[in-house]
């Protein structure tokens, strides 16, 4: 009897142990599946993961330059300067040319400004008298303009949506007036934005070209009789021309003054004759009878 009871307890203990083992083996995968995998050392430090795209904005700089060139051939140098600008994908904005000097306003890509200035100095028969380059950072201005433009464009779109839903004539008139004002502001911001981007993309170069002193021949000759005669004749001609011009300018005034004097003399004579009117004939006869 005791043996049977002991055998029963042994069988029950074996069954309980087997059930607990099965439960543990079955719950282990569920726990492993529910818990996320632990990151390795490299992932914990952020290695191998893409960085967020928060690169700083590229600086927007407006660059301008002024350069003075001296040469013995002003027209030829001006032509070569324009060729350098054209080869650099630039263009001539304004040009002023004379025999002894000239000036150009060029627009060239900002990335090629330094190369263009160097090419000017390397031109044949050219000396650089003055060279000045100025830079202005307009990044903040562009950011402000871009933000303002985006906000104004969104505001215009909202007003257009409100205009589509307007139900009365008064609402339509009010919204159209506000829409017109905001569209005008948007166009102004767009022009400002375009101008700033154009100044950043294309640099303005002021080029002055003058004839060098060595290229101007100075003839020092003794003054002779013919030189004096030519100078005197020129002075006489200038004096006569000046007198004729003065006479022509004074002639209308003289004519007006003559008319005034003539009328004054006539009025004075009439007044004098009026004061010397003779006595009536009857009065003279009575005096003679007495």
Protein backbone atom coordinates (compact mmCIF):
# COMPACT_ATOMS: atom_id res chain seq x y z
CA UNK A 1 0.00 0.00 0.00
CA UNK A 2 2.74 2.40 0.92
CA UNK A 3 4.52 1.52 -2.28
CA UNK A 4 1.42 2.35 -4.35
CA UNK A 5 1.02 5.74 -2.65
CA UNK A 6 4.71 6.54 -3.18
CA UNK A 7 4.48 5.55 -6.84
CA UNK A 8 1.43 7.78 -7.29
CA UNK A 9 3.18 10.78 -5.77
CA UNK A 10 6.20 10.16 -8.04
CA UNK A 11 4.04 10.08 -11.17
CA UNK A 12 2.26 13.30 -10.20
CA UNK A 13 5.58 15.09 -9.52
CA UNK A 14 6.88 14.02 -12.91
CA UNK A 15 3.75 15.32 -14.67
CA UNK A 16 3.92 18.69 -12.88
CA UNK A 17 7.59 19.16 -13.74
CA UNK A 18 6.93 18.39 -17.40
CA UNK A 19 4.05 20.88 -17.62
CA UNK A 20 6.06 23.71 -16.09
CA UNK A 21 8.93 23.05 -18.51
CA UNK A 22 6.57 23.20 -21.49
CA UNK A 23 5.01 26.43 -20.24
CA UNK A 24 8.44 28.08 -19.89
CA UNK A 25 9.57 26.95 -23.34
CA UNK A 26 6.32 28.22 -24.88
CA UNK A 27 6.39 31.62 -23.16
CA UNK A 28 10.06 32.33 -23.91
CA UNK A 29 9.59 33.04 -27.68
CA UNK A 30 6.62 35.31 -26.94
CA UNK A 31 8.66 37.38 -24.54
CA UNK A 32 11.54 37.51 -26.99
CA UNK A 33 9.22 38.57 -29.81
CA UNK A 34 7.54 41.26 -27.71
CA UNK A 35 10.78 42.85 -26.49
CA UNK A 36 12.66 44.91 -29.11
CA UNK A 37 16.18 43.89 -29.99
CA UNK A 38 18.85 45.75 -28.14
CA UNK A 39 20.94 48.04 -30.27
CA UNK A 40 24.57 47.26 -30.72
CA UNK A 41 27.33 49.56 -29.67
CA UNK A 42 27.59 51.24 -33.07
CA UNK A 43 23.86 51.93 -33.30
CA UNK A 44 23.75 53.24 -29.73
CA UNK A 45 26.26 55.92 -30.71
CA UNK A 46 24.37 56.84 -33.89
CA UNK A 47 26.82 55.21 -36.28
CA UNK A 48 25.41 53.97 -39.54
CA UNK A 49 22.23 56.08 -39.25
CA UNK A 50 21.53 59.02 -41.62
CA UNK A 51 22.00 62.48 -40.14
CA UNK A 52 19.07 64.91 -40.36
CA UNK A 53 19.28 67.33 -43.31
CA UNK A 54 20.00 70.50 -41.35
CA UNK A 55 22.92 71.87 -43.32
CA UNK A 56 23.43 75.66 -43.00
CA UNK A 57 22.18 77.72 -45.94
CA UNK A 58 24.82 78.80 -48.45
CA UNK A 59 25.85 82.40 -47.97
CA UNK A 60 24.47 84.78 -50.59
CA UNK A 61 27.03 87.49 -51.37
CA UNK A 62 26.79 90.39 -53.80
CA UNK A 63 30.19 91.20 -55.31
CA UNK A 64 31.01 94.33 -57.28
CA UNK A 65 34.29 95.62 -58.68
CA UNK A 66 35.88 98.74 -60.14
CA UNK A 67 39.05 98.72 -62.21
CA UNK A 68 40.93 101.47 -64.04
CA UNK A 69 43.08 100.58 -67.04
CA UNK A 70 45.69 102.72 -68.77
CA UNK A 71 46.66 102.06 -72.35
CA UNK A 72 47.90 103.73 -75.51
CA UNK A 73 44.98 102.33 -77.56
CA UNK A 74 41.69 103.19 -75.86
CA UNK A 75 39.29 101.86 -78.56
CA UNK A 76 41.24 98.63 -78.97
CA UNK A 77 41.40 98.02 -75.23
CA UNK A 78 37.65 98.62 -74.87
CA UNK A 79 37.02 96.02 -77.55
CA UNK A 80 39.29 93.47 -75.86
CA UNK A 81 37.62 94.11 -72.49
CA UNK A 82 34.22 93.37 -74.06
CA UNK A 83 35.59 90.18 -75.59
CA UNK A 84 36.79 88.99 -72.17
CA UNK A 85 33.37 89.64 -70.68
CA UNK A 86 31.61 87.81 -73.52
CA UNK A 87 33.88 84.77 -73.22
CA UNK A 88 33.08 84.65 -69.51
CA UNK A 89 29.32 84.48 -70.25
CA UNK A 90 28.84 88.12 -69.31
CA UNK A 91 27.50 91.10 -71.20
CA UNK A 92 27.90 94.86 -71.54
CA UNK A 93 25.25 96.85 -69.70
CA UNK A 94 26.41 100.38 -70.60
CA UNK A 95 29.26 101.85 -72.64
CA UNK A 96 30.75 105.32 -73.04
CA UNK A 97 33.60 105.81 -75.49
CA UNK A 98 35.73 108.80 -76.44
CA UNK A 99 39.06 109.19 -78.19
CA UNK A 100 41.12 109.50 -75.03
CA UNK A 101 38.96 107.60 -72.52
CA UNK A 102 36.04 105.26 -72.15
CA UNK A 103 34.03 103.35 -69.57
CA UNK A 104 32.08 100.10 -69.48
CA UNK A 105 29.57 98.60 -67.08
CA UNK A 106 29.77 94.82 -67.27
CA UNK A 107 27.70 92.02 -65.75
CA UNK A 108 29.66 88.80 -65.33
CA UNK A 109 28.96 85.60 -63.37
CA UNK A 110 30.01 86.07 -59.76
CA UNK A 111 31.99 82.83 -59.78
CA UNK A 112 34.17 84.18 -62.62
CA UNK A 113 34.73 87.70 -61.28
CA UNK A 114 38.29 87.14 -60.07
CA UNK A 115 39.27 85.44 -63.34
CA UNK A 116 37.78 88.30 -65.36
CA UNK A 117 39.67 90.93 -63.39
CA UNK A 118 42.90 88.99 -63.83
CA UNK A 119 42.26 88.74 -67.57
CA UNK A 120 41.84 92.52 -67.76
CA UNK A 121 45.24 93.02 -66.17
CA UNK A 122 46.82 90.53 -68.59
CA UNK A 123 45.64 92.38 -71.70
CA UNK A 124 48.45 93.67 -73.95
CA UNK A 125 49.56 97.28 -73.57
CA UNK A 126 47.48 97.67 -70.39
CA UNK A 127 48.45 98.84 -66.91
CA UNK A 128 46.07 98.53 -63.97
CA UNK A 129 45.78 101.88 -62.21
CA UNK A 130 43.21 100.98 -59.53
CA UNK A 131 41.35 97.83 -58.62
CA UNK A 132 38.66 97.57 -55.95
CA UNK A 133 36.39 94.64 -55.10
CA UNK A 134 33.50 94.95 -52.66
CA UNK A 135 31.38 92.18 -51.13
CA UNK A 136 28.06 92.41 -49.29
CA UNK A 137 26.36 89.49 -47.56
CA UNK A 138 22.64 89.55 -48.40
CA UNK A 139 21.74 86.14 -46.98
CA UNK A 140 19.51 87.66 -44.30
CA UNK A 141 17.78 89.90 -46.83
CA UNK A 142 17.07 86.96 -49.12
CA UNK A 143 15.71 84.87 -46.28
CA UNK A 144 13.41 87.70 -45.23
CA UNK A 145 12.23 88.26 -48.78
CA UNK A 146 11.67 84.54 -49.37
CA UNK A 147 9.66 84.25 -46.14
CA UNK A 148 7.62 87.34 -46.91
CA UNK A 149 6.95 86.13 -50.44
CA UNK A 150 5.79 82.72 -49.24
CA UNK A 151 3.47 84.25 -46.65
CA UNK A 152 2.02 86.72 -49.13
CA UNK A 153 1.46 83.98 -51.71
CA UNK A 154 -0.38 81.86 -49.12
CA UNK A 155 -2.45 84.90 -48.11
CA UNK A 156 -3.43 85.51 -51.72
CA UNK A 157 -4.48 81.89 -52.13
CA UNK A 158 -6.64 82.09 -48.99
CA UNK A 159 -8.35 85.22 -50.25
CA UNK A 160 -9.04 83.59 -53.58
CA UNK A 161 -10.67 80.68 -51.77
CA UNK A 162 -12.78 83.13 -49.74
CA UNK A 163 -13.74 84.92 -52.95
CA UNK A 164 -15.04 81.68 -54.41
CA UNK A 165 -17.26 81.18 -51.32
CA UNK A 166 -18.47 84.80 -51.09
CA UNK A 167 -22.24 85.03 -51.23
CA UNK A 168 -23.07 88.73 -51.37
CA UNK A 169 -21.93 91.62 -53.53
CA UNK A 170 -20.55 93.47 -50.51
CA UNK A 171 -18.42 90.49 -49.53
CA UNK A 172 -17.14 90.11 -53.08
CA UNK A 173 -16.20 93.80 -53.30
CA UNK A 174 -14.44 93.74 -49.93
CA UNK A 175 -12.48 90.58 -50.70
CA UNK A 176 -11.51 91.79 -54.19
CA UNK A 177 -10.14 95.03 -52.75
CA UNK A 178 -8.04 93.20 -50.18
CA UNK A 179 -6.95 90.66 -52.79
CA UNK A 180 -5.73 93.43 -55.11
CA UNK A 181 -3.70 95.01 -52.33
CA UNK A 182 -2.06 91.75 -51.33
CA UNK A 183 -1.30 90.84 -54.93
CA UNK A 184 0.46 94.18 -55.33
CA UNK A 185 2.54 93.47 -52.21
CA UNK A 186 3.35 90.01 -53.54
CA UNK A 187 4.51 91.36 -56.89
CA UNK A 188 6.71 93.92 -55.14
CA UNK A 189 8.31 91.18 -53.02
CA UNK A 190 8.84 89.02 -56.11
CA UNK A 191 10.62 91.88 -57.90
CA UNK A 192 12.81 92.47 -54.86
CA UNK A 193 13.58 88.76 -54.66
CA UNK A 194 14.48 88.61 -58.35
CA UNK A 195 16.70 91.68 -58.09
CA UNK A 196 18.63 90.27 -55.13
CA UNK A 197 19.14 86.91 -56.81
CA UNK A 198 20.29 88.66 -59.98
CA UNK A 199 22.84 90.70 -58.03
CA UNK A 200 24.12 87.54 -56.36
CA UNK A 201 24.36 85.59 -59.62
CA UNK A 202 25.92 88.39 -61.71
CA UNK A 203 28.59 90.75 -60.45
CA UNK A 204 28.72 94.34 -61.68
CA UNK A 205 32.11 95.53 -62.92
CA UNK A 206 32.87 99.19 -63.64
CA UNK A 207 35.78 99.43 -66.09
CA UNK A 208 37.47 102.76 -66.85
CA UNK A 209 39.97 103.02 -69.69
CA UNK A 210 42.18 106.12 -70.13
CA UNK A 211 45.06 106.92 -72.38
CA UNK A 212 48.42 106.65 -70.63
CA UNK A 213 50.57 109.77 -70.31
CA UNK A 214 53.40 108.26 -72.30
CA UNK A 215 51.15 107.83 -75.31
CA UNK A 216 50.29 111.55 -75.56
CA UNK A 217 53.00 113.35 -77.56
CA UNK A 218 53.77 116.82 -76.26
CA UNK A 219 55.25 119.09 -78.92
CA UNK A 220 57.18 122.00 -77.45
CA UNK A 221 57.91 124.43 -80.28
CA UNK A 222 58.84 128.09 -80.18
CA UNK A 223 55.96 130.42 -80.97
CA UNK A 224 56.51 132.37 -84.19
CA UNK A 225 54.84 135.12 -86.20
CA UNK A 226 52.36 132.78 -87.81
CA UNK A 227 51.38 131.34 -84.44
CA UNK A 228 50.78 134.84 -83.08
CA UNK A 229 48.80 135.80 -86.18
CA UNK A 230 46.65 132.70 -85.91
CA UNK A 231 46.06 133.35 -82.22
CA UNK A 232 45.14 137.00 -82.80
CA UNK A 233 42.80 136.11 -85.67
CA UNK A 234 41.12 133.50 -83.50
CA UNK A 235 40.69 136.00 -80.66
CA UNK A 236 39.23 138.58 -83.08
CA UNK A 237 36.84 136.06 -84.51
CA UNK A 238 35.73 135.00 -81.05
CA UNK A 239 35.23 138.65 -80.03
CA UNK A 240 33.15 139.46 -83.11
CA UNK A 241 31.07 136.34 -82.59
CA UNK A 242 30.50 137.33 -78.97
CA UNK A 243 29.48 140.88 -79.92
CA UNK A 244 27.07 139.62 -82.57
CA UNK A 245 25.57 137.22 -80.08
CA UNK A 246 25.17 140.04 -77.52
CA UNK A 247 23.60 142.28 -80.15
CA UNK A 248 21.19 139.56 -81.17
CA UNK A 249 20.20 139.02 -77.55
CA UNK A 250 19.71 142.77 -76.93
CA UNK A 251 17.87 143.57 -80.19
CA UNK A 252 14.38 142.54 -78.96
CA UNK A 253 14.83 144.64 -75.83
CA UNK A 254 15.99 147.65 -77.87
CA UNK A 255 12.97 147.39 -80.14
CA UNK A 256 10.60 147.24 -77.18
CA UNK A 257 12.34 150.22 -75.56
CA UNK A 258 12.04 152.25 -78.80
CA UNK A 259 8.31 151.62 -78.96
CA UNK A 260 7.87 152.75 -75.37
CA UNK A 261 9.90 155.96 -75.99
CA UNK A 262 7.95 156.75 -79.15
CA UNK A 263 4.60 156.37 -77.36
CA UNK A 264 5.88 158.47 -74.46
CA UNK A 265 6.92 161.31 -76.79
CA UNK A 266 3.53 161.30 -78.54
CA UNK A 267 1.66 161.41 -75.24
CA UNK A 268 3.86 164.23 -73.97
CA UNK A 269 3.29 166.32 -77.13
CA UNK A 270 -0.47 165.76 -76.93
CA UNK A 271 -0.52 166.82 -73.31
CA UNK A 272 1.47 169.97 -74.05
CA UNK A 273 -0.85 170.96 -76.90
CA UNK A 274 -3.83 170.40 -74.66
CA UNK A 275 -2.49 172.91 -72.09
CA UNK A 276 -1.89 175.66 -74.71
CA UNK A 277 -5.46 175.82 -76.18
CA UNK A 278 -6.20 179.47 -77.51
CA UNK A 279 -9.09 181.59 -76.01
CA UNK A 280 -12.43 181.77 -77.79
CA UNK A 281 -12.79 184.39 -80.54
CA UNK A 282 -15.72 186.21 -78.80
CA UNK A 283 -13.66 187.02 -75.71
CA UNK A 284 -10.94 188.65 -77.81
CA UNK A 285 -13.47 190.86 -79.57
CA UNK A 286 -14.92 192.15 -76.25
CA UNK A 287 -11.46 193.17 -75.07
CA UNK A 288 -10.82 195.13 -78.24
CA UNK A 289 -14.19 197.11 -77.84
CA UNK A 290 -13.24 198.26 -74.33
